[in-house]
Amino acid sequence: MAICNGCGAAIVWAETADGKRQPFDREPDREGNRILLGRGPNRPPLALPLERIDPHFGDEQVKTLGAIYMPHHATCPNVADFQKGAAS
């Protein structure tokens, strides 16, 4: 677990399918748009869009695969601090 430098919220770092790091809210959120799949020790979870797994993703798949998460940039009140070109 980690802490957001902008708002102090607990976050989880995951890796996208293209190898980029992305922060997620620590707690699962049914309104989220990613599922985090564990990949073993010393590796961050893999963040996959729900539609990439199944375009009709539903409750049964959530029970099988895991929880849905919200990218932290969607909920951080200070997200503008992290945008490219933001004033310091």
Protein backbone atom coordinates (compact mmCIF):
# COMPACT_ATOMS: atom_id res chain seq x y z
CA MET A 1 0.00 0.00 0.00
CA ALA A 2 1.03 3.58 -0.58
CA ILE A 3 -0.25 7.09 0.11
CA CYS A 4 -1.24 9.66 -2.53
CA ASN A 5 1.14 12.63 -2.38
CA GLY A 6 -1.72 14.94 -3.37
CA CYS A 7 -4.48 14.08 -0.93
CA GLY A 8 -3.06 11.54 1.54
CA ALA A 9 -5.49 8.77 0.57
CA ALA A 10 -4.41 5.14 0.68
CA ILE A 11 -3.72 3.85 -2.82
CA VAL A 12 -2.57 0.68 -4.55
CA TRP A 13 -0.11 0.85 -7.44
CA ALA A 14 -0.84 -1.49 -10.34
CA GLU A 15 0.60 -2.01 -13.79
CA THR A 16 -1.45 -1.56 -16.94
CA ALA A 17 -1.29 -4.00 -19.85
CA ASP A 18 1.15 -1.66 -21.61
CA GLY A 19 3.51 -1.63 -18.62
CA LYS A 20 2.65 1.78 -17.14
CA ARG A 21 2.15 2.27 -13.42
CA GLN A 22 -1.25 3.56 -12.30
CA PRO A 23 -2.61 4.34 -8.82
CA PHE A 24 -5.97 2.96 -7.67
CA ASP A 25 -8.12 3.68 -4.65
CA ARG A 26 -7.29 1.14 -1.96
CA GLU A 27 -10.84 -0.10 -1.44
CA PRO A 28 -12.80 -1.94 -4.14
CA ASP A 29 -15.52 0.12 -5.82
CA ARG A 30 -18.35 -1.38 -7.92
CA GLU A 31 -18.40 1.88 -9.88
CA GLY A 32 -14.76 1.37 -10.90
CA ASN A 33 -13.65 0.30 -14.36
CA ARG A 34 -10.65 -1.96 -13.72
CA ILE A 35 -10.04 -5.31 -12.13
CA LEU A 36 -6.72 -5.86 -10.39
CA LEU A 37 -5.24 -9.32 -10.85
CA GLY A 38 -2.50 -10.48 -8.50
CA ARG A 39 0.67 -11.75 -10.14
CA GLY A 40 2.63 -13.13 -7.23
CA PRO A 41 5.22 -11.78 -4.83
CA ASN A 42 7.28 -8.73 -5.76
CA ARG A 43 5.05 -7.85 -8.73
CA PRO A 44 2.33 -5.21 -8.77
CA PRO A 45 -1.18 -6.30 -9.67
CA LEU A 46 -2.16 -6.18 -13.33
CA ALA A 47 -4.93 -3.64 -14.03
CA LEU A 48 -7.26 -4.71 -16.82
CA PRO A 49 -10.32 -2.88 -18.16
CA LEU A 50 -13.47 -4.86 -17.43
CA GLU A 51 -14.48 -4.98 -21.09
CA ARG A 52 -11.15 -6.59 -21.96
CA ILE A 53 -12.09 -9.56 -19.79
CA ASP A 54 -15.74 -9.75 -20.85
CA PRO A 55 -17.88 -7.06 -22.51
CA HIS A 56 -20.80 -8.25 -20.34
CA PHE A 57 -18.85 -8.38 -17.09
CA GLY A 58 -21.20 -9.13 -14.23
CA ASP A 59 -21.44 -10.13 -10.59
CA GLU A 60 -20.53 -13.76 -11.24
CA GLN A 61 -17.21 -12.80 -12.84
CA VAL A 62 -16.46 -10.43 -9.95
CA LYS A 63 -16.93 -13.30 -7.50
CA THR A 64 -14.60 -15.48 -9.56
CA LEU A 65 -11.85 -13.03 -10.51
CA GLY A 66 -11.77 -10.45 -7.74
CA ALA A 67 -12.83 -6.93 -6.97
CA ILE A 68 -13.33 -3.92 -9.21
CA TYR A 69 -11.28 -0.80 -8.50
CA MET A 70 -11.47 2.89 -9.34
CA PRO A 71 -8.38 4.63 -10.74
CA HIS A 72 -7.32 7.16 -8.09
CA HIS A 73 -7.13 10.01 -10.62
CA ALA A 74 -10.94 9.77 -10.85
CA THR A 75 -11.41 10.45 -7.11
CA CYS A 76 -8.37 12.49 -6.01
CA PRO A 77 -9.43 16.04 -5.11
CA ASN A 78 -5.94 17.25 -6.06
CA VAL A 79 -5.60 15.45 -9.41
CA ALA A 80 -4.77 18.73 -11.18
CA ASP A 81 -1.46 18.80 -9.22
CA PHE A 82 -0.33 15.76 -11.20
CA GLN A 83 -1.28 16.87 -14.70
CA LYS A 84 1.58 17.62 -17.06
CA GLY A 85 2.50 21.27 -16.94
CA ALA A 86 0.86 21.84 -13.56
CA ALA A 87 2.39 24.72 -11.62
CA SER A 88 4.46 23.70 -8.61
